[in-house]
Amino acid sequence: MAYLNPLAILNQWSTIVPESAGVGEKFFKLVERVMNDSAIPTVVFERKQLHATKMSGRDSGGEVPCLYIHATAFRGVDTYVVARDWGKHLLLSRYTCSTNPMDSLSAFEKENLTAYLSFVHNAVLLATKEIMGELNKDFSKINAKSEGLIDIV
C-alpha cells in the first residue's frame, strides 16, 4: 500500500481516454515495456494500491491500483502511475513525489533527476499513445504537458 501526499508531489500529469474503460492493466504493461526497452538501470516496478491523503495528512478514503516506479539511484523519489476506470472512460495519471528537499541537490543531481523524470513521463505518454492507437482514439488531442515544481520536457 502507498500513500499519495499532495504536499510531496513534485510533478503530475493526467488525462482521460474517452470510452476506454477496462484496459488499465494493459496500460501498466505498456509503460513497463517502454521503460525496460530503454535499459535504464536500477528501475523497479511494483503493483500497489494507492491511497490519497488530504493536506492535513489524513487518509481521504478509497484506493486505486497503480504502477509504482522507483529508481534506486534517487532515494526518496517515487512515481505512481494510475490507470483506472472512471465510468466508461479510462483515467490516466502520473504523480512523482519526493520526501527530499530539492534545494539539497547539486546541479548535476538535479539534472540527472530531471532526465529520469522526463524519461518516466515520456514512457507514460508513449504507452498512452499506443493504447489510444489500439482503441482508435486521437492522441493528438492529449495535453502532454505536466505540472509541478520540476519542469519535465
N, C-alpha and C. Protein backbone atom coordinates (compact mmCIF):
# COMPACT_ATOMS: atom_id res chain seq x y z
N MET A 1 0.85 -1.18 0.00
CA MET A 1 0.00 0.00 0.00
C MET A 1 0.89 1.24 0.00
N ALA A 2 0.47 2.27 -0.69
CA ALA A 2 1.22 3.52 -0.78
C ALA A 2 0.27 4.68 -0.52
N TYR A 3 0.83 5.78 -0.04
CA TYR A 3 0.04 6.97 0.24
C TYR A 3 0.54 8.14 -0.59
N LEU A 4 -0.40 8.83 -1.21
CA LEU A 4 -0.09 10.00 -2.04
C LEU A 4 -0.38 11.25 -1.23
N ASN A 5 0.68 11.92 -0.81
CA ASN A 5 0.56 13.15 -0.04
C ASN A 5 0.66 14.34 -0.99
N PRO A 6 -0.36 15.19 -1.05
CA PRO A 6 -0.33 16.31 -2.01
C PRO A 6 0.84 17.27 -1.78
N LEU A 7 1.37 17.32 -0.58
CA LEU A 7 2.49 18.21 -0.30
C LEU A 7 3.82 17.68 -0.84
N ALA A 8 3.87 16.39 -1.18
CA ALA A 8 5.10 15.77 -1.66
C ALA A 8 5.17 15.68 -3.18
N ILE A 9 4.13 16.11 -3.88
CA ILE A 9 4.10 15.97 -5.35
C ILE A 9 5.04 16.98 -6.00
N LEU A 10 6.03 16.45 -6.74
CA LEU A 10 6.97 17.29 -7.50
C LEU A 10 6.40 17.63 -8.87
N ASN A 11 5.73 16.66 -9.46
CA ASN A 11 5.24 16.83 -10.82
C ASN A 11 4.10 15.85 -11.04
N GLN A 12 3.13 16.26 -11.85
CA GLN A 12 2.00 15.37 -12.13
C GLN A 12 1.44 15.63 -13.52
N TRP A 13 0.73 14.63 -14.01
CA TRP A 13 0.09 14.69 -15.31
C TRP A 13 -1.12 13.78 -15.28
N SER A 14 -2.17 14.14 -16.01
CA SER A 14 -3.33 13.25 -16.12
C SER A 14 -4.11 13.55 -17.38
N THR A 15 -4.89 12.57 -17.79
CA THR A 15 -5.77 12.71 -18.95
C THR A 15 -6.88 11.68 -18.84
N ILE A 16 -7.91 11.87 -19.63
CA ILE A 16 -8.99 10.91 -19.74
C ILE A 16 -9.03 10.40 -21.18
N VAL A 17 -9.11 9.08 -21.32
CA VAL A 17 -9.29 8.47 -22.63
C VAL A 17 -10.76 8.07 -22.72
N PRO A 18 -11.53 8.77 -23.54
CA PRO A 18 -12.98 8.52 -23.59
C PRO A 18 -13.34 7.09 -24.00
N GLU A 19 -14.36 6.59 -23.35
CA GLU A 19 -14.95 5.29 -23.68
C GLU A 19 -13.89 4.19 -23.84
N SER A 20 -13.00 4.11 -22.85
CA SER A 20 -11.88 3.15 -22.92
C SER A 20 -11.67 2.40 -21.62
N ALA A 21 -12.68 2.29 -20.79
CA ALA A 21 -12.55 1.57 -19.52
C ALA A 21 -12.14 0.12 -19.78
N GLY A 22 -11.45 -0.45 -18.81
CA GLY A 22 -11.12 -1.87 -18.85
C GLY A 22 -9.73 -2.22 -19.37
N VAL A 23 -8.92 -1.21 -19.70
CA VAL A 23 -7.59 -1.52 -20.26
C VAL A 23 -6.44 -1.03 -19.36
N GLY A 24 -6.73 -0.80 -18.10
CA GLY A 24 -5.72 -0.29 -17.18
C GLY A 24 -4.51 -1.19 -17.03
N GLU A 25 -4.73 -2.48 -16.85
CA GLU A 25 -3.61 -3.41 -16.68
C GLU A 25 -2.75 -3.45 -17.94
N LYS A 26 -3.38 -3.42 -19.10
CA LYS A 26 -2.63 -3.39 -20.36
C LYS A 26 -1.78 -2.13 -20.44
N PHE A 27 -2.32 -1.01 -19.99
CA PHE A 27 -1.57 0.24 -19.96
C PHE A 27 -0.33 0.12 -19.07
N PHE A 28 -0.49 -0.45 -17.87
CA PHE A 28 0.66 -0.64 -16.97
C PHE A 28 1.75 -1.46 -17.66
N LYS A 29 1.37 -2.52 -18.34
CA LYS A 29 2.34 -3.38 -19.02
C LYS A 29 3.06 -2.62 -20.15
N LEU A 30 2.34 -1.75 -20.84
CA LEU A 30 2.97 -0.94 -21.88
C LEU A 30 4.01 0.02 -21.29
N VAL A 31 3.68 0.65 -20.17
CA VAL A 31 4.64 1.55 -19.51
C VAL A 31 5.90 0.76 -19.12
N GLU A 32 5.72 -0.40 -18.52
CA GLU A 32 6.87 -1.23 -18.13
C GLU A 32 7.70 -1.62 -19.34
N ARG A 33 7.04 -2.02 -20.43
CA ARG A 33 7.77 -2.42 -21.63
C ARG A 33 8.61 -1.27 -22.19
N VAL A 34 8.00 -0.08 -22.30
CA VAL A 34 8.72 1.08 -22.83
C VAL A 34 9.95 1.38 -21.97
N MET A 35 9.77 1.32 -20.65
CA MET A 35 10.91 1.62 -19.77
C MET A 35 11.97 0.52 -19.83
N ASN A 36 11.56 -0.73 -19.86
CA ASN A 36 12.53 -1.83 -19.95
C ASN A 36 13.30 -1.80 -21.25
N ASP A 37 12.63 -1.42 -22.34
CA ASP A 37 13.30 -1.36 -23.64
C ASP A 37 14.42 -0.32 -23.67
N SER A 38 14.35 0.66 -22.79
CA SER A 38 15.36 1.71 -22.75
C SER A 38 16.56 1.36 -21.88
N ALA A 39 16.47 0.27 -21.14
CA ALA A 39 17.59 -0.25 -20.33
C ALA A 39 18.13 0.77 -19.32
N ILE A 40 17.26 1.56 -18.74
CA ILE A 40 17.67 2.45 -17.65
C ILE A 40 17.95 1.56 -16.43
N PRO A 41 19.15 1.65 -15.84
CA PRO A 41 19.48 0.73 -14.75
C PRO A 41 18.73 1.06 -13.46
N THR A 42 18.60 0.07 -12.64
CA THR A 42 18.09 0.15 -11.27
C THR A 42 16.66 0.68 -11.15
N VAL A 43 15.83 0.39 -12.14
CA VAL A 43 14.43 0.78 -12.07
C VAL A 43 13.61 -0.42 -11.61
N VAL A 44 12.76 -0.19 -10.61
CA VAL A 44 11.94 -1.24 -10.02
C VAL A 44 10.47 -0.90 -10.28
N PHE A 45 9.69 -1.92 -10.67
CA PHE A 45 8.25 -1.77 -10.88
C PHE A 45 7.52 -2.65 -9.86
N GLU A 46 6.40 -2.14 -9.40
CA GLU A 46 5.59 -2.93 -8.47
C GLU A 46 4.15 -2.45 -8.55
N ARG A 47 3.20 -3.37 -8.50
CA ARG A 47 1.79 -3.00 -8.42
C ARG A 47 1.46 -2.72 -6.97
N LYS A 48 0.77 -1.62 -6.74
CA LYS A 48 0.36 -1.24 -5.39
C LYS A 48 -1.06 -0.69 -5.43
N GLN A 49 -1.63 -0.57 -4.25
CA GLN A 49 -2.88 0.16 -4.08
C GLN A 49 -2.49 1.54 -3.54
N LEU A 50 -2.94 2.58 -4.19
CA LEU A 50 -2.56 3.94 -3.82
C LEU A 50 -3.71 4.60 -3.08
N HIS A 51 -3.40 5.14 -1.91
CA HIS A 51 -4.36 5.90 -1.10
C HIS A 51 -3.95 7.37 -1.18
N ALA A 52 -4.91 8.24 -1.31
CA ALA A 52 -4.63 9.68 -1.30
C ALA A 52 -4.87 10.22 0.10
N THR A 53 -4.00 11.13 0.51
CA THR A 53 -4.21 11.81 1.79
C THR A 53 -4.61 13.25 1.53
N LYS A 54 -5.24 13.83 2.51
CA LYS A 54 -5.60 15.24 2.43
C LYS A 54 -4.41 16.08 2.87
N MET A 55 -4.50 17.39 2.70
CA MET A 55 -3.42 18.28 3.11
C MET A 55 -3.08 18.09 4.58
N SER A 56 -4.07 17.72 5.37
CA SER A 56 -3.85 17.51 6.80
C SER A 56 -3.07 16.23 7.07
N GLY A 57 -2.91 15.38 6.03
CA GLY A 57 -2.21 14.13 6.20
C GLY A 57 -3.13 12.96 6.50
N ARG A 58 -4.42 13.24 6.70
CA ARG A 58 -5.37 12.17 6.97
C ARG A 58 -5.78 11.48 5.68
N ASP A 59 -6.02 10.19 5.76
CA ASP A 59 -6.45 9.40 4.61
C ASP A 59 -7.79 9.92 4.11
N SER A 60 -7.90 10.13 2.80
CA SER A 60 -9.15 10.65 2.24
C SER A 60 -10.13 9.53 1.89
N GLY A 61 -9.73 8.30 2.12
CA GLY A 61 -10.61 7.17 1.85
C GLY A 61 -10.48 6.69 0.42
N GLY A 62 -10.66 5.41 0.23
CA GLY A 62 -10.58 4.82 -1.09
C GLY A 62 -9.15 4.55 -1.52
N GLU A 63 -9.05 3.72 -2.52
CA GLU A 63 -7.74 3.37 -3.07
C GLU A 63 -7.90 3.07 -4.54
N VAL A 64 -6.81 3.24 -5.28
CA VAL A 64 -6.81 2.96 -6.71
C VAL A 64 -5.57 2.12 -7.03
N PRO A 65 -5.66 1.26 -8.05
CA PRO A 65 -4.49 0.49 -8.45
C PRO A 65 -3.47 1.41 -9.12
N CYS A 66 -2.20 1.13 -8.87
CA CYS A 66 -1.16 1.93 -9.51
C CYS A 66 0.05 1.07 -9.84
N LEU A 67 0.85 1.58 -10.74
CA LEU A 67 2.16 1.03 -11.04
C LEU A 67 3.16 1.92 -10.32
N TYR A 68 3.84 1.36 -9.35
CA TYR A 68 4.85 2.08 -8.58
C TYR A 68 6.17 1.94 -9.32
N ILE A 69 6.83 3.06 -9.56
CA ILE A 69 8.12 3.07 -10.27
C ILE A 69 9.13 3.76 -9.38
N HIS A 70 10.25 3.08 -9.18
CA HIS A 70 11.30 3.63 -8.31
C HIS A 70 12.66 3.34 -8.93
N ALA A 71 13.49 4.34 -8.99
CA ALA A 71 14.89 4.15 -9.40
C ALA A 71 15.74 4.24 -8.15
N THR A 72 16.49 3.20 -7.88
CA THR A 72 17.27 3.17 -6.63
C THR A 72 18.32 4.27 -6.58
N ALA A 73 18.66 4.86 -7.71
CA ALA A 73 19.62 5.97 -7.72
C ALA A 73 19.04 7.24 -7.12
N PHE A 74 17.72 7.31 -7.00
CA PHE A 74 17.07 8.52 -6.49
C PHE A 74 16.25 8.17 -5.26
N ARG A 75 16.91 8.06 -4.14
CA ARG A 75 16.23 7.72 -2.89
C ARG A 75 15.24 8.82 -2.51
N GLY A 76 14.05 8.39 -2.09
CA GLY A 76 13.05 9.34 -1.67
C GLY A 76 12.21 9.90 -2.79
N VAL A 77 12.48 9.48 -4.03
CA VAL A 77 11.69 9.92 -5.18
C VAL A 77 10.91 8.73 -5.69
N ASP A 78 9.59 8.85 -5.72
CA ASP A 78 8.71 7.76 -6.13
C ASP A 78 7.73 8.26 -7.17
N THR A 79 7.42 7.39 -8.13
CA THR A 79 6.43 7.71 -9.15
C THR A 79 5.30 6.70 -9.09
N TYR A 80 4.08 7.21 -9.16
CA TYR A 80 2.89 6.38 -9.15
C TYR A 80 2.13 6.65 -10.45
N VAL A 81 1.93 5.61 -11.24
CA VAL A 81 1.17 5.72 -12.47
C VAL A 81 -0.19 5.07 -12.20
N VAL A 82 -1.24 5.83 -12.40
CA VAL A 82 -2.59 5.37 -12.13
C VAL A 82 -3.33 5.17 -13.45
N ALA A 83 -4.00 4.04 -13.57
CA ALA A 83 -4.88 3.77 -14.71
C ALA A 83 -6.13 3.14 -14.12
N ARG A 84 -7.21 3.90 -14.13
CA ARG A 84 -8.43 3.36 -13.51
C ARG A 84 -9.65 3.75 -14.32
N ASP A 85 -10.63 2.88 -14.22
CA ASP A 85 -11.89 3.16 -14.89
C ASP A 85 -12.61 4.29 -14.16
N TRP A 86 -13.14 5.19 -14.95
CA TRP A 86 -13.93 6.30 -14.43
C TRP A 86 -15.20 6.32 -15.25
N GLY A 87 -16.20 5.60 -14.75
CA GLY A 87 -17.38 5.36 -15.57
C GLY A 87 -16.97 4.48 -16.74
N LYS A 88 -17.31 4.89 -17.96
CA LYS A 88 -16.92 4.11 -19.13
C LYS A 88 -15.62 4.63 -19.75
N HIS A 89 -14.95 5.53 -19.03
CA HIS A 89 -13.71 6.15 -19.52
C HIS A 89 -12.51 5.60 -18.75
N LEU A 90 -11.32 5.86 -19.27
CA LEU A 90 -10.07 5.49 -18.62
C LEU A 90 -9.37 6.75 -18.14
N LEU A 91 -9.13 6.83 -16.85
CA LEU A 91 -8.41 7.96 -16.27
C LEU A 91 -6.96 7.55 -16.07
N LEU A 92 -6.05 8.29 -16.69
CA LEU A 92 -4.62 8.03 -16.56
C LEU A 92 -3.97 9.19 -15.82
N SER A 93 -3.11 8.87 -14.86
CA SER A 93 -2.41 9.89 -14.09
C SER A 93 -1.00 9.42 -13.78
N ARG A 94 -0.11 10.38 -13.60
CA ARG A 94 1.24 10.10 -13.14
C ARG A 94 1.60 11.13 -12.08
N TYR A 95 2.01 10.64 -10.93
CA TYR A 95 2.42 11.51 -9.83
C TYR A 95 3.86 11.16 -9.46
N THR A 96 4.73 12.16 -9.42
CA THR A 96 6.08 11.94 -8.94
C THR A 96 6.23 12.73 -7.65
N CYS A 97 6.63 12.02 -6.61
CA CYS A 97 6.69 12.59 -5.26
C CYS A 97 8.11 12.47 -4.71
N SER A 98 8.43 13.35 -3.77
CA SER A 98 9.73 13.30 -3.12
C SER A 98 9.60 13.64 -1.65
N THR A 99 10.36 12.92 -0.86
CA THR A 99 10.47 13.25 0.57
C THR A 99 11.72 14.08 0.83
N ASN A 100 12.49 14.37 -0.22
CA ASN A 100 13.73 15.13 -0.10
C ASN A 100 13.52 16.56 -0.59
N PRO A 101 14.10 17.54 0.11
CA PRO A 101 14.03 18.91 -0.41
C PRO A 101 14.90 19.05 -1.66
N MET A 102 14.35 19.66 -2.68
CA MET A 102 15.07 19.78 -3.95
C MET A 102 16.28 20.71 -3.84
N ASP A 103 16.26 21.63 -2.89
CA ASP A 103 17.40 22.53 -2.76
C ASP A 103 18.63 21.85 -2.15
N SER A 104 18.48 20.58 -1.73
CA SER A 104 19.62 19.84 -1.20
C SER A 104 20.41 19.14 -2.31
N LEU A 105 19.92 19.21 -3.56
CA LEU A 105 20.58 18.54 -4.68
C LEU A 105 21.61 19.45 -5.33
N SER A 106 22.70 18.85 -5.79
CA SER A 106 23.67 19.60 -6.59
C SER A 106 23.07 19.82 -7.98
N ALA A 107 23.70 20.67 -8.76
CA ALA A 107 23.21 20.93 -10.12
C ALA A 107 23.19 19.65 -10.95
N PHE A 108 24.21 18.80 -10.81
CA PHE A 108 24.26 17.56 -11.58
C PHE A 108 23.24 16.54 -11.09
N GLU A 109 23.02 16.48 -9.79
CA GLU A 109 22.00 15.57 -9.26
C GLU A 109 20.61 15.99 -9.76
N LYS A 110 20.35 17.29 -9.76
CA LYS A 110 19.07 17.77 -10.25
C LYS A 110 18.93 17.50 -11.75
N GLU A 111 20.01 17.66 -12.49
CA GLU A 111 19.99 17.37 -13.92
C GLU A 111 19.67 15.88 -14.16
N ASN A 112 20.31 15.00 -13.41
CA ASN A 112 20.04 13.56 -13.54
C ASN A 112 18.62 13.22 -13.15
N LEU A 113 18.13 13.83 -12.09
CA LEU A 113 16.76 13.58 -11.65
C LEU A 113 15.77 14.07 -12.70
N THR A 114 16.01 15.24 -13.26
CA THR A 114 15.12 15.77 -14.29
C THR A 114 15.12 14.87 -15.52
N ALA A 115 16.28 14.36 -15.90
CA ALA A 115 16.37 13.45 -17.05
C ALA A 115 15.57 12.18 -16.77
N TYR A 116 15.72 11.63 -15.57
CA TYR A 116 15.00 10.41 -15.21
C TYR A 116 13.48 10.66 -15.22
N LEU A 117 13.05 11.77 -14.62
CA LEU A 117 11.62 12.08 -14.57
C LEU A 117 11.06 12.33 -15.96
N SER A 118 11.84 12.97 -16.83
CA SER A 118 11.42 13.17 -18.21
C SER A 118 11.27 11.83 -18.92
N PHE A 119 12.19 10.92 -18.64
CA PHE A 119 12.11 9.58 -19.23
C PHE A 119 10.84 8.86 -18.79
N VAL A 120 10.53 8.91 -17.50
CA VAL A 120 9.32 8.25 -17.00
C VAL A 120 8.08 8.89 -17.63
N HIS A 121 8.04 10.21 -17.67
CA HIS A 121 6.90 10.92 -18.25
C HIS A 121 6.71 10.52 -19.72
N ASN A 122 7.81 10.48 -20.46
CA ASN A 122 7.71 10.12 -21.87
C ASN A 122 7.29 8.67 -22.06
N ALA A 123 7.70 7.77 -21.15
CA ALA A 123 7.24 6.38 -21.21
C ALA A 123 5.73 6.31 -21.02
N VAL A 124 5.21 7.10 -20.09
CA VAL A 124 3.76 7.14 -19.86
C VAL A 124 3.05 7.69 -21.10
N LEU A 125 3.60 8.74 -21.70
CA LEU A 125 3.00 9.30 -22.91
C LEU A 125 3.04 8.31 -24.08
N LEU A 126 4.15 7.62 -24.25
CA LEU A 126 4.24 6.64 -25.34
C LEU A 126 3.24 5.50 -25.14
N ALA A 127 3.10 5.05 -23.89
CA ALA A 127 2.11 4.00 -23.60
C ALA A 127 0.70 4.52 -23.86
N THR A 128 0.45 5.77 -23.50
CA THR A 128 -0.86 6.38 -23.75
C THR A 128 -1.14 6.44 -25.25
N LYS A 129 -0.15 6.87 -26.01
CA LYS A 129 -0.30 6.95 -27.46
C LYS A 129 -0.58 5.57 -28.06
N GLU A 130 0.16 4.56 -27.57
CA GLU A 130 -0.02 3.21 -28.12
C GLU A 130 -1.40 2.65 -27.80
N ILE A 131 -1.83 2.82 -26.56
CA ILE A 131 -3.14 2.26 -26.20
C ILE A 131 -4.26 3.01 -26.90
N MET A 132 -4.09 4.32 -27.08
CA MET A 132 -5.11 5.08 -27.79
C MET A 132 -5.17 4.67 -29.26
N GLY A 133 -4.01 4.38 -29.86
CA GLY A 133 -3.98 3.92 -31.24
C GLY A 133 -4.72 2.60 -31.40
N GLU A 134 -4.50 1.69 -30.44
CA GLU A 134 -5.20 0.40 -30.49
C GLU A 134 -6.71 0.56 -30.35
N LEU A 135 -7.14 1.62 -29.66
CA LEU A 135 -8.57 1.87 -29.44
C LEU A 135 -9.15 2.85 -30.45
N ASN A 136 -8.36 3.20 -31.46
CA ASN A 136 -8.77 4.17 -32.50
C ASN A 136 -9.18 5.51 -31.90
N LYS A 137 -8.39 5.98 -30.94
CA LYS A 137 -8.60 7.29 -30.33
C LYS A 137 -7.51 8.25 -30.82
N ASP A 138 -7.79 9.54 -30.82
CA ASP A 138 -6.88 10.55 -31.35
C ASP A 138 -5.96 11.09 -30.26
N PHE A 139 -4.70 10.63 -30.27
CA PHE A 139 -3.71 11.06 -29.28
C PHE A 139 -3.34 12.53 -29.44
N SER A 140 -3.50 13.09 -30.63
CA SER A 140 -3.08 14.48 -30.86
C SER A 140 -3.85 15.48 -30.01
N LYS A 141 -4.98 15.07 -29.45
CA LYS A 141 -5.77 15.96 -28.61
C LYS A 141 -5.38 15.89 -27.13
N ILE A 142 -4.41 15.05 -26.81
CA ILE A 142 -3.97 14.89 -25.42
C ILE A 142 -2.96 15.98 -25.07
N ASN A 143 -3.15 16.62 -23.94
CA ASN A 143 -2.19 17.60 -23.44
C ASN A 143 -1.05 16.84 -22.76
N ALA A 144 0.12 16.88 -23.33
CA ALA A 144 1.27 16.14 -22.82
C ALA A 144 2.03 16.89 -21.75
N LYS A 145 1.71 18.15 -21.53
CA LYS A 145 2.45 18.96 -20.56
C LYS A 145 2.08 18.55 -19.14
N SER A 146 3.11 18.42 -18.33
CA SER A 146 2.90 18.11 -16.92
C SER A 146 3.01 19.39 -16.10
N GLU A 147 2.66 19.28 -14.82
CA GLU A 147 2.69 20.45 -13.93
C GLU A 147 3.46 20.09 -12.68
N GLY A 148 4.18 21.07 -12.13
CA GLY A 148 4.85 20.82 -10.87
C GLY A 148 6.03 21.70 -10.60
N LEU A 149 6.75 21.34 -9.52
CA LEU A 149 7.90 22.09 -9.06
C LEU A 149 9.13 21.87 -9.92
N ILE A 150 9.18 20.72 -10.59
CA ILE A 150 10.27 20.42 -11.52
C ILE A 150 9.68 20.36 -12.92
N ASP A 151 10.29 21.09 -13.84
CA ASP A 151 9.82 21.06 -15.22
C ASP A 151 10.31 19.81 -15.90
N ILE A 152 9.41 19.15 -16.60
CA ILE A 152 9.75 17.94 -17.34
C ILE A 152 9.46 18.20 -18.79
N VAL A 153 10.44 17.82 -19.63
CA VAL A 153 10.29 18.02 -21.08
C VAL A 153 10.09 16.70 -21.77
